[in-house]
């Protein structure tokens, strides 16, 4: 079966996000003063072949841990859909 995984990788909340801070500052500079917090991350979509949804979950979990995120500074979450 084919599945699609939608994955979000974000900096850990306890860590500073310099890119998000720069975007927030620029937003304030152009008049968007109501913006209080900006966090910048990655959105990844991948298509995979798996026996079933549970197998797809295992494969995506492994991929996130080993390749797509750095567990020291990032967290991730994902959703899997049938294609």
N, C-alpha and C. Protein backbone atom coordinates (compact mmCIF):
# COMPACT_ATOMS: atom_id res chain seq x y z
N UNK A 1 0.84 -1.18 0.00
CA UNK A 1 0.00 0.00 0.00
C UNK A 1 0.88 1.24 0.00
N UNK A 2 0.37 2.29 -0.59
CA UNK A 2 1.10 3.57 -0.60
C UNK A 2 0.49 4.51 0.43
N UNK A 3 1.40 5.21 1.11
CA UNK A 3 1.00 6.18 2.13
C UNK A 3 1.72 7.49 1.88
N UNK A 4 1.14 8.55 2.41
CA UNK A 4 1.77 9.87 2.41
C UNK A 4 1.94 10.29 3.86
N UNK A 5 3.14 10.74 4.18
CA UNK A 5 3.42 11.24 5.53
C UNK A 5 3.66 12.74 5.46
N UNK A 6 2.98 13.47 6.30
CA UNK A 6 3.17 14.91 6.46
C UNK A 6 3.91 15.08 7.79
N UNK A 7 5.13 15.61 7.73
CA UNK A 7 6.00 15.67 8.90
C UNK A 7 6.36 17.13 9.20
N UNK A 8 6.26 17.51 10.45
CA UNK A 8 6.70 18.83 10.90
C UNK A 8 7.84 18.64 11.89
N UNK A 9 8.95 19.33 11.61
CA UNK A 9 10.12 19.30 12.48
C UNK A 9 10.31 20.73 12.99
N UNK A 10 10.37 20.88 14.31
CA UNK A 10 10.47 22.21 14.91
C UNK A 10 11.59 22.24 15.95
N UNK A 11 12.18 23.43 16.16
CA UNK A 11 13.16 23.54 17.25
C UNK A 11 12.47 23.27 18.59
N UNK A 12 13.18 22.67 19.51
CA UNK A 12 12.62 22.44 20.84
C UNK A 12 12.22 23.77 21.46
N UNK A 13 11.11 23.77 22.18
CA UNK A 13 10.60 25.01 22.77
C UNK A 13 11.56 25.62 23.77
N UNK A 14 12.37 24.81 24.41
CA UNK A 14 13.31 25.31 25.41
C UNK A 14 14.50 26.04 24.78
N UNK A 15 14.69 25.87 23.46
CA UNK A 15 15.83 26.48 22.79
C UNK A 15 15.44 27.76 22.08
N UNK A 16 16.41 28.65 21.96
CA UNK A 16 16.19 29.87 21.18
C UNK A 16 16.06 29.50 19.71
N UNK A 17 15.27 30.28 18.98
CA UNK A 17 15.10 30.09 17.54
C UNK A 17 15.55 31.39 16.87
N UNK A 18 16.85 31.51 16.52
CA UNK A 18 17.35 32.75 15.96
C UNK A 18 16.64 33.18 14.68
N UNK A 19 16.30 32.22 13.84
CA UNK A 19 15.59 32.55 12.60
C UNK A 19 14.20 33.09 12.91
N UNK A 20 13.50 32.47 13.84
CA UNK A 20 12.19 32.96 14.26
C UNK A 20 12.27 34.34 14.89
N UNK A 21 13.32 34.56 15.68
CA UNK A 21 13.50 35.86 16.31
C UNK A 21 13.73 36.95 15.26
N UNK A 22 14.51 36.65 14.24
CA UNK A 22 14.76 37.62 13.16
C UNK A 22 13.48 37.94 12.40
N UNK A 23 12.66 36.93 12.14
CA UNK A 23 11.40 37.16 11.44
C UNK A 23 10.47 38.01 12.31
N UNK A 24 10.41 37.71 13.59
CA UNK A 24 9.57 38.50 14.50
C UNK A 24 10.01 39.96 14.50
N UNK A 25 11.32 40.21 14.58
CA UNK A 25 11.83 41.57 14.59
C UNK A 25 11.45 42.29 13.30
N UNK A 26 11.60 41.62 12.16
CA UNK A 26 11.23 42.23 10.89
C UNK A 26 9.73 42.50 10.80
N UNK A 27 8.92 41.60 11.35
CA UNK A 27 7.48 41.83 11.35
C UNK A 27 7.13 43.05 12.18
N UNK A 28 7.79 43.21 13.32
CA UNK A 28 7.56 44.40 14.16
C UNK A 28 7.99 45.66 13.41
N UNK A 29 9.11 45.56 12.68
CA UNK A 29 9.62 46.72 11.95
C UNK A 29 8.68 47.19 10.84
N UNK A 30 7.89 46.29 10.30
CA UNK A 30 6.96 46.69 9.23
C UNK A 30 5.53 46.88 9.74
N UNK A 31 5.39 46.91 11.07
CA UNK A 31 4.10 47.28 11.63
C UNK A 31 3.26 46.18 12.24
N UNK A 32 3.71 44.94 12.21
CA UNK A 32 2.95 43.84 12.80
C UNK A 32 3.37 43.65 14.25
N UNK A 33 3.04 44.62 15.09
CA UNK A 33 3.47 44.64 16.48
C UNK A 33 2.77 43.59 17.34
N UNK A 34 1.64 43.06 16.86
CA UNK A 34 0.89 42.09 17.66
C UNK A 34 1.51 40.69 17.62
N UNK A 35 2.46 40.47 16.75
CA UNK A 35 3.12 39.15 16.68
C UNK A 35 4.04 39.01 17.88
N UNK A 36 3.83 37.95 18.67
CA UNK A 36 4.60 37.78 19.90
C UNK A 36 5.64 36.68 19.82
N UNK A 37 5.44 35.68 19.01
CA UNK A 37 6.38 34.57 18.96
C UNK A 37 6.38 33.96 17.56
N UNK A 38 7.56 33.74 17.02
CA UNK A 38 7.69 33.10 15.71
C UNK A 38 8.68 31.96 15.88
N UNK A 39 8.31 30.78 15.44
CA UNK A 39 9.20 29.61 15.44
C UNK A 39 9.26 29.11 14.00
N UNK A 40 10.44 28.88 13.50
CA UNK A 40 10.63 28.43 12.13
C UNK A 40 11.08 26.97 12.17
N UNK A 41 10.44 26.14 11.36
CA UNK A 41 10.79 24.73 11.30
C UNK A 41 10.77 24.23 9.86
N UNK A 42 10.62 22.93 9.71
CA UNK A 42 10.59 22.30 8.39
C UNK A 42 9.30 21.51 8.25
N UNK A 43 8.73 21.55 7.05
CA UNK A 43 7.58 20.70 6.72
C UNK A 43 8.04 19.77 5.61
N UNK A 44 7.88 18.49 5.83
CA UNK A 44 8.34 17.47 4.87
C UNK A 44 7.17 16.58 4.50
N UNK A 45 6.99 16.35 3.23
CA UNK A 45 5.98 15.40 2.74
C UNK A 45 6.73 14.28 2.04
N UNK A 46 6.41 13.05 2.41
CA UNK A 46 7.03 11.94 1.70
C UNK A 46 6.01 10.86 1.41
N UNK A 47 6.26 10.16 0.34
CA UNK A 47 5.40 9.05 -0.08
C UNK A 47 6.19 7.77 0.16
N UNK A 48 5.52 6.76 0.73
CA UNK A 48 6.22 5.52 1.03
C UNK A 48 5.32 4.32 0.80
N UNK A 49 5.95 3.21 0.61
CA UNK A 49 5.28 1.92 0.44
C UNK A 49 5.41 1.17 1.76
N UNK A 50 4.29 0.61 2.25
CA UNK A 50 4.31 -0.16 3.48
C UNK A 50 3.19 -1.20 3.45
N UNK A 51 3.32 -2.25 4.28
CA UNK A 51 2.30 -3.30 4.32
C UNK A 51 0.97 -2.78 4.82
N UNK A 52 1.04 -1.90 5.84
CA UNK A 52 -0.17 -1.34 6.44
C UNK A 52 0.20 -0.03 7.13
N UNK A 53 -0.79 0.62 7.74
CA UNK A 53 -0.55 1.92 8.35
C UNK A 53 0.41 1.82 9.54
N UNK A 54 0.33 0.75 10.31
CA UNK A 54 1.24 0.57 11.43
C UNK A 54 2.69 0.46 10.95
N UNK A 55 2.91 -0.30 9.88
CA UNK A 55 4.25 -0.43 9.30
C UNK A 55 4.73 0.93 8.78
N UNK A 56 3.84 1.70 8.18
CA UNK A 56 4.18 3.04 7.69
C UNK A 56 4.58 3.94 8.87
N UNK A 57 3.85 3.86 9.97
CA UNK A 57 4.19 4.64 11.17
C UNK A 57 5.59 4.31 11.66
N UNK A 58 5.92 3.03 11.70
CA UNK A 58 7.24 2.61 12.16
C UNK A 58 8.33 3.16 11.25
N UNK A 59 8.12 3.05 9.94
CA UNK A 59 9.12 3.54 8.98
C UNK A 59 9.31 5.05 9.09
N UNK A 60 8.22 5.79 9.20
CA UNK A 60 8.31 7.25 9.29
C UNK A 60 8.98 7.65 10.61
N UNK A 61 8.62 6.99 11.69
CA UNK A 61 9.24 7.26 13.00
C UNK A 61 10.76 7.07 12.92
N UNK A 62 11.20 5.97 12.33
CA UNK A 62 12.63 5.70 12.17
C UNK A 62 13.30 6.77 11.31
N UNK A 63 12.64 7.15 10.22
CA UNK A 63 13.19 8.17 9.33
C UNK A 63 13.33 9.50 10.05
N UNK A 64 12.33 9.86 10.83
CA UNK A 64 12.40 11.12 11.58
C UNK A 64 13.54 11.10 12.58
N UNK A 65 13.69 9.99 13.30
CA UNK A 65 14.73 9.89 14.32
C UNK A 65 16.14 9.87 13.72
N UNK A 66 16.31 9.15 12.60
CA UNK A 66 17.65 8.93 12.05
C UNK A 66 18.09 9.96 11.03
N UNK A 67 17.14 10.58 10.31
CA UNK A 67 17.53 11.42 9.18
C UNK A 67 16.95 12.83 9.23
N UNK A 68 15.65 12.94 9.49
CA UNK A 68 14.96 14.21 9.29
C UNK A 68 15.05 15.19 10.45
N UNK A 69 15.39 14.72 11.63
CA UNK A 69 15.47 15.64 12.77
C UNK A 69 16.74 15.38 13.57
N UNK A 70 17.13 16.39 14.32
CA UNK A 70 18.23 16.26 15.26
C UNK A 70 17.58 16.26 16.65
N UNK A 71 17.47 15.10 17.30
CA UNK A 71 16.72 15.01 18.56
C UNK A 71 17.29 15.87 19.69
N UNK A 72 18.51 16.34 19.55
CA UNK A 72 19.10 17.18 20.58
C UNK A 72 18.47 18.57 20.56
N UNK A 73 18.09 19.06 19.37
CA UNK A 73 17.58 20.43 19.26
C UNK A 73 16.20 20.52 18.60
N UNK A 74 15.65 19.39 18.12
CA UNK A 74 14.38 19.45 17.39
C UNK A 74 13.41 18.38 17.88
N UNK A 75 12.13 18.69 17.72
CA UNK A 75 11.07 17.71 17.93
C UNK A 75 10.36 17.52 16.59
N UNK A 76 9.57 16.48 16.50
CA UNK A 76 8.83 16.25 15.26
C UNK A 76 7.48 15.63 15.58
N UNK A 77 6.58 15.79 14.63
CA UNK A 77 5.29 15.11 14.68
C UNK A 77 4.91 14.81 13.24
N UNK A 78 4.10 13.79 13.07
CA UNK A 78 3.69 13.45 11.70
C UNK A 78 2.31 12.84 11.68
N UNK A 79 1.71 12.90 10.50
CA UNK A 79 0.41 12.29 10.23
C UNK A 79 0.58 11.49 8.95
N UNK A 80 -0.02 10.31 8.93
CA UNK A 80 0.07 9.44 7.75
C UNK A 80 -1.31 9.25 7.16
N UNK A 81 -1.38 9.37 5.84
CA UNK A 81 -2.63 9.21 5.09
C UNK A 81 -2.46 8.10 4.06
N UNK A 82 -3.54 7.40 3.76
CA UNK A 82 -3.53 6.47 2.62
C UNK A 82 -3.47 7.30 1.35
N UNK A 83 -2.73 6.81 0.37
CA UNK A 83 -2.69 7.52 -0.91
C UNK A 83 -3.80 7.05 -1.79
